[in-house]
Amino acid sequence: MEMSITKPAAKWFIRELDLIEGDAIRFFARYGGFGGVHKGFSLALDNVEPNNPGAEVTEEGIHFFVEESDIWYFDEKNFHIKYSRKYDEIEYIID
């Protein structure tokens, strides 16, 4: 699995979550919600340090990652995080 994030997306996270250089954002599968790759699960995030990352990328001084235990959610696809200027929100692309 390849993971990427655009600079504008990283800046959005910094602004919205009051992040500082060195912070880390974990993306993980949670039970419930809408959308995503697997019915009944959705993507969630938390501001925690990595334990055993299976995919990771650093942008604008922030470490974005998915733990190895959550890689199953992406079903062997790549995970890209982009920013939509039109809607001022994040877009998750799993392809």
PDB file of N, CA and C in Angstrom:
ATOM      1  N   MET A   1       0.843  -1.183   0.000  1.00  0.00           N
ATOM      2  CA  MET A   1       0.000   0.000   0.000  1.00  0.00           C
ATOM      3  C   MET A   1       0.883   1.238   0.000  1.00  0.00           C
ATOM      4  N   GLU A   2       0.586   2.146  -0.899  1.00  0.00           N
ATOM      5  CA  GLU A   2       1.278   3.430  -0.957  1.00  0.00           C
ATOM      6  C   GLU A   2       0.374   4.485  -0.327  1.00  0.00           C
ATOM      7  N   MET A   3       0.959   5.388   0.424  1.00  0.00           N
ATOM      8  CA  MET A   3       0.209   6.460   1.077  1.00  0.00           C
ATOM      9  C   MET A   3       0.817   7.793   0.670  1.00  0.00           C
ATOM     10  N   SER A   4      -0.044   8.783   0.365  1.00  0.00           N
ATOM     11  CA  SER A   4       0.454  10.116   0.017  1.00  0.00           C
ATOM     12  C   SER A   4      -0.506  11.174   0.556  1.00  0.00           C
ATOM     13  N   ILE A   5       0.026  12.369   0.725  1.00  0.00           N
ATOM     14  CA  ILE A   5      -0.782  13.512   1.143  1.00  0.00           C
ATOM     15  C   ILE A   5      -0.228  14.746   0.453  1.00  0.00           C
ATOM     16  N   THR A   6      -1.104  15.605  -0.022  1.00  0.00           N
ATOM     17  CA  THR A   6      -0.667  16.835  -0.669  1.00  0.00           C
ATOM     18  C   THR A   6      -0.330  17.887   0.394  1.00  0.00           C
ATOM     19  N   LYS A   7       0.497  18.855   0.010  1.00  0.00           N
ATOM     20  CA  LYS A   7       0.834  19.953   0.933  1.00  0.00           C
ATOM     21  C   LYS A   7      -0.417  20.698   1.401  1.00  0.00           C
ATOM     22  N   PRO A   8      -1.351  21.049   0.492  1.00  0.00           N
ATOM     23  CA  PRO A   8      -2.561  21.734   0.960  1.00  0.00           C
ATOM     24  C   PRO A   8      -3.363  20.896   1.959  1.00  0.00           C
ATOM     25  N   ALA A   9      -3.396  19.585   1.773  1.00  0.00           N
ATOM     26  CA  ALA A   9      -4.117  18.719   2.716  1.00  0.00           C
ATOM     27  C   ALA A   9      -3.427  18.736   4.075  1.00  0.00           C
ATOM     28  N   ALA A  10      -2.110  18.639   4.086  1.00  0.00           N
ATOM     29  CA  ALA A  10      -1.367  18.681   5.348  1.00  0.00           C
ATOM     30  C   ALA A  10      -1.610  20.004   6.063  1.00  0.00           C
ATOM     31  N   LYS A  11      -1.618  21.096   5.313  1.00  0.00           N
ATOM     32  CA  LYS A  11      -1.874  22.417   5.916  1.00  0.00           C
ATOM     33  C   LYS A  11      -3.285  22.492   6.477  1.00  0.00           C
ATOM     34  N   TRP A  12      -4.244  21.859   5.827  1.00  0.00           N
ATOM     35  CA  TRP A  12      -5.619  21.826   6.336  1.00  0.00           C
ATOM     36  C   TRP A  12      -5.650  21.126   7.693  1.00  0.00           C
ATOM     37  N   PHE A  13      -4.988  19.974   7.800  1.00  0.00           N
ATOM     38  CA  PHE A  13      -4.937  19.255   9.079  1.00  0.00           C
ATOM     39  C   PHE A  13      -4.283  20.110  10.160  1.00  0.00           C
ATOM     40  N   ILE A  14      -3.192  20.776   9.820  1.00  0.00           N
ATOM     41  CA  ILE A  14      -2.500  21.637  10.783  1.00  0.00           C
ATOM     42  C   ILE A  14      -3.439  22.723  11.291  1.00  0.00           C
ATOM     43  N   ARG A  15      -4.147  23.352  10.379  1.00  0.00           N
ATOM     44  CA  ARG A  15      -5.075  24.435  10.738  1.00  0.00           C
ATOM     45  C   ARG A  15      -6.264  23.917  11.551  1.00  0.00           C
ATOM     46  N   GLU A  16      -6.894  22.866  11.086  1.00  0.00           N
ATOM     47  CA  GLU A  16      -8.121  22.375  11.719  1.00  0.00           C
ATOM     48  C   GLU A  16      -7.888  21.666  13.050  1.00  0.00           C
ATOM     49  N   LEU A  17      -6.738  21.022  13.201  1.00  0.00           N
ATOM     50  CA  LEU A  17      -6.472  20.245  14.413  1.00  0.00           C
ATOM     51  C   LEU A  17      -5.428  20.894  15.317  1.00  0.00           C
ATOM     52  N   ASP A  18      -5.034  22.125  14.987  1.00  0.00           N
ATOM     53  CA  ASP A  18      -4.022  22.847  15.778  1.00  0.00           C
ATOM     54  C   ASP A  18      -2.761  22.009  15.985  1.00  0.00           C
ATOM     55  N   LEU A  19      -2.279  21.415  14.902  1.00  0.00           N
ATOM     56  CA  LEU A  19      -1.096  20.572  14.990  1.00  0.00           C
ATOM     57  C   LEU A  19       0.170  21.409  15.001  1.00  0.00           C
ATOM     58  N   ILE A  20       1.208  20.849  15.592  1.00  0.00           N
ATOM     59  CA  ILE A  20       2.524  21.486  15.567  1.00  0.00           C
ATOM     60  C   ILE A  20       3.525  20.486  14.992  1.00  0.00           C
ATOM     61  N   GLU A  21       4.638  21.006  14.520  1.00  0.00           N
ATOM     62  CA  GLU A  21       5.659  20.156  13.932  1.00  0.00           C
ATOM     63  C   GLU A  21       6.011  19.021  14.890  1.00  0.00           C
ATOM     64  N   GLY A  22       6.060  17.811  14.349  1.00  0.00           N
ATOM     65  CA  GLY A  22       6.366  16.637  15.148  1.00  0.00           C
ATOM     66  C   GLY A  22       5.146  15.843  15.567  1.00  0.00           C
ATOM     67  N   ASP A  23       3.940  16.427  15.408  1.00  0.00           N
ATOM     68  CA  ASP A  23       2.714  15.695  15.722  1.00  0.00           C
ATOM     69  C   ASP A  23       2.522  14.560  14.723  1.00  0.00           C
ATOM     70  N   ALA A  24       1.676  13.606  15.094  1.00  0.00           N
ATOM     71  CA  ALA A  24       1.389  12.473  14.228  1.00  0.00           C
ATOM     72  C   ALA A  24      -0.117  12.240  14.163  1.00  0.00           C
ATOM     73  N   ILE A  25      -0.601  11.895  12.978  1.00  0.00           N
ATOM     74  CA  ILE A  25      -2.016  11.596  12.763  1.00  0.00           C
ATOM     75  C   ILE A  25      -2.143  10.163  12.272  1.00  0.00           C
ATOM     76  N   ARG A  26      -2.909   9.372  13.020  1.00  0.00           N
ATOM     77  CA  ARG A  26      -3.166   7.981  12.665  1.00  0.00           C
ATOM     78  C   ARG A  26      -4.521   7.872  11.983  1.00  0.00           C
ATOM     79  N   PHE A  27      -4.575   7.197  10.849  1.00  0.00           N
ATOM     80  CA  PHE A  27      -5.823   6.858  10.171  1.00  0.00           C
ATOM     81  C   PHE A  27      -6.115   5.400  10.473  1.00  0.00           C
ATOM     82  N   PHE A  28      -7.362   5.104  10.854  1.00  0.00           N
ATOM     83  CA  PHE A  28      -7.700   3.734  11.212  1.00  0.00           C
ATOM     84  C   PHE A  28      -9.149   3.429  10.872  1.00  0.00           C
ATOM     85  N   ALA A  29      -9.436   2.137  10.793  1.00  0.00           N
ATOM     86  CA  ALA A  29     -10.789   1.674  10.502  1.00  0.00           C
ATOM     87  C   ALA A  29     -11.596   1.668  11.795  1.00  0.00           C
ATOM     88  N   ARG A  30     -12.809   2.176  11.713  1.00  0.00           N
ATOM     89  CA  ARG A  30     -13.698   2.114  12.874  1.00  0.00           C
ATOM     90  C   ARG A  30     -15.013   1.495  12.430  1.00  0.00           C
ATOM     91  N   TYR A  31     -15.647   0.836  13.357  1.00  0.00           N
ATOM     92  CA  TYR A  31     -16.926   0.203  13.072  1.00  0.00           C
ATOM     93  C   TYR A  31     -18.000   1.275  13.060  1.00  0.00           C
ATOM     94  N   GLY A  32     -18.790   1.296  11.996  1.00  0.00           N
ATOM     95  CA  GLY A  32     -19.867   2.276  11.873  1.00  0.00           C
ATOM     96  C   GLY A  32     -19.511   3.375  10.897  1.00  0.00           C
ATOM     97  N   GLY A  33     -20.462   4.227  10.648  1.00  0.00           N
ATOM     98  CA  GLY A  33     -20.256   5.321   9.721  1.00  0.00           C
ATOM     99  C   GLY A  33     -20.614   4.934   8.295  1.00  0.00           C
ATOM    100  N   PHE A  34     -20.336   5.843   7.384  1.00  0.00           N
ATOM    101  CA  PHE A  34     -20.691   5.662   5.983  1.00  0.00           C
ATOM    102  C   PHE A  34     -19.448   5.733   5.116  1.00  0.00           C
ATOM    103  N   GLY A  35     -19.555   5.163   3.935  1.00  0.00           N
ATOM    104  CA  GLY A  35     -18.480   5.243   2.961  1.00  0.00           C
ATOM    105  C   GLY A  35     -17.390   4.238   3.236  1.00  0.00           C
ATOM    106  N   GLY A  36     -16.320   4.404   2.516  1.00  0.00           N
ATOM    107  CA  GLY A  36     -15.181   3.538   2.738  1.00  0.00           C
ATOM    108  C   GLY A  36     -15.175   2.315   1.850  1.00  0.00           C
ATOM    109  N   VAL A  37     -14.242   1.455   2.119  1.00  0.00           N
ATOM    110  CA  VAL A  37     -14.003   0.278   1.302  1.00  0.00           C
ATOM    111  C   VAL A  37     -14.870  -0.892   1.752  1.00  0.00           C
ATOM    112  N   HIS A  38     -15.092  -1.023   3.052  1.00  0.00           N
ATOM    113  CA  HIS A  38     -15.842  -2.143   3.607  1.00  0.00           C
ATOM    114  C   HIS A  38     -17.140  -1.658   4.251  1.00  0.00           C
ATOM    115  N   LYS A  39     -18.246  -2.269   3.853  1.00  0.00           N
ATOM    116  CA  LYS A  39     -19.552  -1.900   4.390  1.00  0.00           C
ATOM    117  C   LYS A  39     -19.551  -2.041   5.923  1.00  0.00           C
ATOM    118  N   GLY A  40     -20.076  -1.023   6.587  1.00  0.00           N
ATOM    119  CA  GLY A  40     -20.153  -1.046   8.041  1.00  0.00           C
ATOM    120  C   GLY A  40     -18.940  -0.458   8.742  1.00  0.00           C
ATOM    121  N   PHE A  41     -17.912  -0.073   7.979  1.00  0.00           N
ATOM    122  CA  PHE A  41     -16.706   0.534   8.548  1.00  0.00           C
ATOM    123  C   PHE A  41     -16.455   1.877   7.874  1.00  0.00           C
ATOM    124  N   SER A  42     -15.804   2.759   8.580  1.00  0.00           N
ATOM    125  CA  SER A  42     -15.419   4.038   8.000  1.00  0.00           C
ATOM    126  C   SER A  42     -14.032   4.409   8.500  1.00  0.00           C
ATOM    127  N   LEU A  43     -13.461   5.409   7.886  1.00  0.00           N
ATOM    128  CA  LEU A  43     -12.123   5.855   8.223  1.00  0.00           C
ATOM    129  C   LEU A  43     -12.199   6.891   9.342  1.00  0.00           C
ATOM    130  N   ALA A  44     -11.358   6.736  10.335  1.00  0.00           N
ATOM    131  CA  ALA A  44     -11.287   7.676  11.454  1.00  0.00           C
ATOM    132  C   ALA A  44      -9.838   8.125  11.607  1.00  0.00           C
ATOM    133  N   LEU A  45      -9.614   9.132  12.451  1.00  0.00           N
ATOM    134  CA  LEU A  45      -8.254   9.592  12.693  1.00  0.00           C
ATOM    135  C   LEU A  45      -8.084   9.981  14.150  1.00  0.00           C
ATOM    136  N   ASP A  46      -6.829   9.980  14.574  1.00  0.00           N
ATOM    137  CA  ASP A  46      -6.489  10.339  15.946  1.00  0.00           C
ATOM    138  C   ASP A  46      -5.091  10.942  15.955  1.00  0.00           C
ATOM    139  N   ASN A  47      -4.833  11.791  16.919  1.00  0.00           N
ATOM    140  CA  ASN A  47      -3.534  12.435  17.069  1.00  0.00           C
ATOM    141  C   ASN A  47      -2.725  11.632  18.088  1.00  0.00           C
ATOM    142  N   VAL A  48      -2.064  10.575  17.617  1.00  0.00           N
ATOM    143  CA  VAL A  48      -1.273   9.689  18.480  1.00  0.00           C
ATOM    144  C   VAL A  48       0.045   9.329  17.794  1.00  0.00           C
ATOM    145  N   GLU A  49       0.984   8.868  18.581  1.00  0.00           N
ATOM    146  CA  GLU A  49       2.273   8.426  18.049  1.00  0.00           C
ATOM    147  C   GLU A  49       2.136   7.039  17.422  1.00  0.00           C
ATOM    148  N   PRO A  50       2.915   6.760  16.374  1.00  0.00           N
ATOM    149  CA  PRO A  50       2.847   5.446  15.744  1.00  0.00           C
ATOM    150  C   PRO A  50       3.431   4.356  16.639  1.00  0.00           C
ATOM    151  N   ASN A  51       2.881   3.173  16.490  1.00  0.00           N
ATOM    152  CA  ASN A  51       3.369   2.007  17.202  1.00  0.00           C
ATOM    153  C   ASN A  51       4.061   1.060  16.225  1.00  0.00           C
ATOM    154  N   ASN A  52       3.328   0.658  15.178  1.00  0.00           N
ATOM    155  CA  ASN A  52       3.855  -0.240  14.158  1.00  0.00           C
ATOM    156  C   ASN A  52       3.255   0.156  12.807  1.00  0.00           C
ATOM    157  N   PRO A  53       3.725   1.277  12.228  1.00  0.00           N
ATOM    158  CA  PRO A  53       3.106   1.749  10.988  1.00  0.00           C
ATOM    159  C   PRO A  53       3.318   0.810   9.818  1.00  0.00           C
ATOM    160  N   GLY A  54       2.220   0.616   9.062  1.00  0.00           N
ATOM    161  CA  GLY A  54       2.285  -0.187   7.850  1.00  0.00           C
ATOM    162  C   GLY A  54       2.431   0.683   6.618  1.00  0.00           C
ATOM    163  N   ALA A  55       2.019   1.948   6.741  1.00  0.00           N
ATOM    164  CA  ALA A  55       2.174   2.943   5.672  1.00  0.00           C
ATOM    165  C   ALA A  55       2.319   4.291   6.357  1.00  0.00           C
ATOM    166  N   GLU A  56       3.162   5.150   5.808  1.00  0.00           N
ATOM    167  CA  GLU A  56       3.398   6.442   6.450  1.00  0.00           C
ATOM    168  C   GLU A  56       3.970   7.442   5.468  1.00  0.00           C
ATOM    169  N   VAL A  57       3.751   8.706   5.795  1.00  0.00           N
ATOM    170  CA  VAL A  57       4.291   9.803   5.008  1.00  0.00           C
ATOM    171  C   VAL A  57       4.389  11.020   5.929  1.00  0.00           C
ATOM    172  N   THR A  58       5.401  11.844   5.715  1.00  0.00           N
ATOM    173  CA  THR A  58       5.563  13.069   6.487  1.00  0.00           C
ATOM    174  C   THR A  58       5.460  14.253   5.539  1.00  0.00           C
ATOM    175  N   GLU A  59       4.641  15.216   5.910  1.00  0.00           N
ATOM    176  CA  GLU A  59       4.456  16.426   5.106  1.00  0.00           C
ATOM    177  C   GLU A  59       4.248  17.600   6.051  1.00  0.00           C
ATOM    178  N   GLU A  60       4.913  18.716   5.763  1.00  0.00           N
ATOM    179  CA  GLU A  60       4.798  19.920   6.581  1.00  0.00           C
ATOM    180  C   GLU A  60       5.127  19.635   8.059  1.00  0.00           C
ATOM    181  N   GLY A  61       6.034  18.686   8.296  1.00  0.00           N
ATOM    182  CA  GLY A  61       6.465  18.376   9.656  1.00  0.00           C
ATOM    183  C   GLY A  61       5.516  17.499  10.446  1.00  0.00           C
ATOM    184  N   ILE A  62       4.445  17.014   9.803  1.00  0.00           N
ATOM    185  CA  ILE A  62       3.460  16.152  10.463  1.00  0.00           C
ATOM    186  C   ILE A  62       3.606  14.737   9.898  1.00  0.00           C
ATOM    187  N   HIS A  63       3.578  13.765  10.790  1.00  0.00           N
ATOM    188  CA  HIS A  63       3.712  12.354  10.404  1.00  0.00           C
ATOM    189  C   HIS A  63       2.304  11.762  10.282  1.00  0.00           C
ATOM    190  N   PHE A  64       1.915  11.355   9.080  1.00  0.00           N
ATOM    191  CA  PHE A  64       0.617  10.733   8.813  1.00  0.00           C
ATOM    192  C   PHE A  64       0.867   9.244   8.609  1.00  0.00           C
ATOM    193  N   PHE A  65       0.040   8.395   9.220  1.00  0.00           N
ATOM    194  CA  PHE A  65       0.322   6.971   9.127  1.00  0.00           C
ATOM    195  C   PHE A  65      -0.924   6.110   9.319  1.00  0.00           C
ATOM    196  N   VAL A  66      -0.771   4.850   8.905  1.00  0.00           N
ATOM    197  CA  VAL A  66      -1.756   3.797   9.131  1.00  0.00           C
ATOM    198  C   VAL A  66      -1.001   2.666   9.799  1.00  0.00           C
ATOM    199  N   GLU A  67      -1.494   2.194  10.924  1.00  0.00           N
ATOM    200  CA  GLU A  67      -0.847   1.073  11.609  1.00  0.00           C
ATOM    201  C   GLU A  67      -0.988  -0.201  10.769  1.00  0.00           C
ATOM    202  N   GLU A  68      -0.034  -1.071  10.909  1.00  0.00           N
ATOM    203  CA  GLU A  68      -0.055  -2.355  10.206  1.00  0.00           C
ATOM    204  C   GLU A  68      -1.368  -3.099  10.464  1.00  0.00           C
ATOM    205  N   SER A  69      -1.889  -2.995  11.675  1.00  0.00           N
ATOM    206  CA  SER A  69      -3.130  -3.700  12.032  1.00  0.00           C
ATOM    207  C   SER A  69      -4.365  -3.150  11.322  1.00  0.00           C
ATOM    208  N   ASP A  70      -4.262  -1.973  10.694  1.00  0.00           N
ATOM    209  CA  ASP A  70      -5.392  -1.374   9.978  1.00  0.00           C
ATOM    210  C   ASP A  70      -5.238  -1.397   8.458  1.00  0.00           C
ATOM    211  N   ILE A  71      -4.163  -1.973   7.976  1.00  0.00           N
ATOM    212  CA  ILE A  71      -3.927  -2.028   6.526  1.00  0.00           C
ATOM    213  C   ILE A  71      -5.045  -2.794   5.816  1.00  0.00           C
ATOM    214  N   TRP A  72      -5.654  -3.774   6.468  1.00  0.00           N
ATOM    215  CA  TRP A  72      -6.720  -4.582   5.852  1.00  0.00           C
ATOM    216  C   TRP A  72      -7.843  -3.705   5.294  1.00  0.00           C
ATOM    217  N   TYR A  73      -8.101  -2.581   5.963  1.00  0.00           N
ATOM    218  CA  TYR A  73      -9.197  -1.701   5.567  1.00  0.00           C
ATOM    219  C   TYR A  73      -9.025  -1.213   4.124  1.00  0.00           C
ATOM    220  N   PHE A  74      -7.808  -1.022   3.693  1.00  0.00           N
ATOM    221  CA  PHE A  74      -7.532  -0.460   2.375  1.00  0.00           C
ATOM    222  C   PHE A  74      -7.531  -1.512   1.273  1.00  0.00           C
ATOM    223  N   ASP A  75      -7.716  -2.768   1.630  1.00  0.00           N
ATOM    224  CA  ASP A  75      -7.930  -3.854   0.671  1.00  0.00           C
ATOM    225  C   ASP A  75      -6.868  -3.866  -0.438  1.00  0.00           C
ATOM    226  N   GLU A  76      -5.604  -3.731  -0.036  1.00  0.00           N
ATOM    227  CA  GLU A  76      -4.462  -3.750  -0.961  1.00  0.00           C
ATOM    228  C   GLU A  76      -4.481  -2.610  -1.980  1.00  0.00           C
ATOM    229  N   LYS A  77      -5.164  -1.537  -1.657  1.00  0.00           N
ATOM    230  CA  LYS A  77      -5.210  -0.362  -2.524  1.00  0.00           C
ATOM    231  C   LYS A  77      -4.327   0.737  -1.941  1.00  0.00           C
ATOM    232  N   ASN A  78      -4.074   1.770  -2.724  1.00  0.00           N
ATOM    233  CA  ASN A  78      -3.296   2.913  -2.258  1.00  0.00           C
ATOM    234  C   ASN A  78      -4.213   3.937  -1.599  1.00  0.00           C
ATOM    235  N   PHE A  79      -3.650   4.745  -0.713  1.00  0.00           N
ATOM    236  CA  PHE A  79      -4.399   5.723   0.072  1.00  0.00           C
ATOM    237  C   PHE A  79      -3.801   7.100  -0.172  1.00  0.00           C
ATOM    238  N   HIS A  80      -4.604   7.988  -0.762  1.00  0.00           N
ATOM    239  CA  HIS A  80      -4.160   9.342  -1.074  1.00  0.00           C
ATOM    240  C   HIS A  80      -5.078  10.347  -0.366  1.00  0.00           C
ATOM    241  N   ILE A  81      -4.473  11.367   0.192  1.00  0.00           N
ATOM    242  CA  ILE A  81      -5.213  12.392   0.922  1.00  0.00           C
ATOM    243  C   ILE A  81      -4.991  13.711   0.198  1.00  0.00           C
ATOM    244  N   LYS A  82      -6.102  14.322  -0.230  1.00  0.00           N
ATOM    245  CA  LYS A  82      -6.039  15.579  -0.967  1.00  0.00           C
ATOM    246  C   LYS A  82      -6.962  16.602  -0.323  1.00  0.00           C
ATOM    247  N   TYR A  83      -6.750  17.854  -0.676  1.00  0.00           N
ATOM    248  CA  TYR A  83      -7.574  18.949  -0.177  1.00  0.00           C
ATOM    249  C   TYR A  83      -8.444  19.489  -1.304  1.00  0.00           C
ATOM    250  N   SER A  84      -9.734  19.682  -1.037  1.00  0.00           N
ATOM    251  CA  SER A  84     -10.650  20.275  -2.001  1.00  0.00           C
ATOM    252  C   SER A  84     -10.823  21.753  -1.668  1.00  0.00           C
ATOM    253  N   ARG A  85     -10.284  22.617  -2.512  1.00  0.00           N
ATOM    254  CA  ARG A  85     -10.457  24.064  -2.305  1.00  0.00           C
ATOM    255  C   ARG A  85     -11.932  24.451  -2.432  1.00  0.00           C
ATOM    256  N   LYS A  86     -12.626  23.796  -3.344  1.00  0.00           N
ATOM    257  CA  LYS A  86     -14.038  24.109  -3.588  1.00  0.00           C
ATOM    258  C   LYS A  86     -14.880  23.930  -2.329  1.00  0.00           C
ATOM    259  N   TYR A  87     -14.628  22.847  -1.581  1.00  0.00           N
ATOM    260  CA  TYR A  87     -15.430  22.547  -0.396  1.00  0.00           C
ATOM    261  C   TYR A  87     -14.700  22.815   0.918  1.00  0.00           C
ATOM    262  N   ASP A  88     -13.430  23.221   0.848  1.00  0.00           N
ATOM    263  CA  ASP A  88     -12.593  23.444   2.029  1.00  0.00           C
ATOM    264  C   ASP A  88     -12.637  22.236   2.957  1.00  0.00           C
ATOM    265  N   GLU A  89     -12.386  21.076   2.372  1.00  0.00           N
ATOM    266  CA  GLU A  89     -12.353  19.847   3.168  1.00  0.00           C
ATOM    267  C   GLU A  89     -11.414  18.835   2.528  1.00  0.00           C
ATOM    268  N   ILE A  90     -11.185  17.767   3.250  1.00  0.00           N
ATOM    269  CA  ILE A  90     -10.275  16.712   2.827  1.00  0.00           C
ATOM    270  C   ILE A  90     -10.994  15.672   1.985  1.00  0.00           C
ATOM    271  N   GLU A  91     -10.289  15.144   0.999  1.00  0.00           N
ATOM    272  CA  GLU A  91     -10.785  14.043   0.185  1.00  0.00           C
ATOM    273  C   GLU A  91      -9.861  12.846   0.378  1.00  0.00           C
ATOM    274  N   TYR A  92     -10.461  11.708   0.682  1.00  0.00           N
ATOM    275  CA  TYR A  92      -9.693  10.468   0.787  1.00  0.00           C
ATOM    276  C   TYR A  92      -9.923   9.679  -0.479  1.00  0.00           C
ATOM    277  N   ILE A  93      -8.849   9.301  -1.135  1.00  0.00           N
ATOM    278  CA  ILE A  93      -8.931   8.527  -2.363  1.00  0.00           C
ATOM    279  C   ILE A  93      -8.239   7.190  -2.115  1.00  0.00           C
ATOM    280  N   ILE A  94      -9.022   6.132  -2.231  1.00  0.00           N
ATOM    281  CA  ILE A  94      -8.501   4.784  -2.052  1.00  0.00           C
ATOM    282  C   ILE A  94      -8.656   4.076  -3.389  1.00  0.00           C
ATOM    283  N   ASP A  95      -7.493   3.851  -4.048  1.00  0.00           N
ATOM    284  CA  ASP A  95      -7.546   3.251  -5.393  1.00  0.00           C
ATOM    285  C   ASP A  95      -6.491   2.186  -5.605  1.00  0.00           C
TER     286      ASP A  95
END
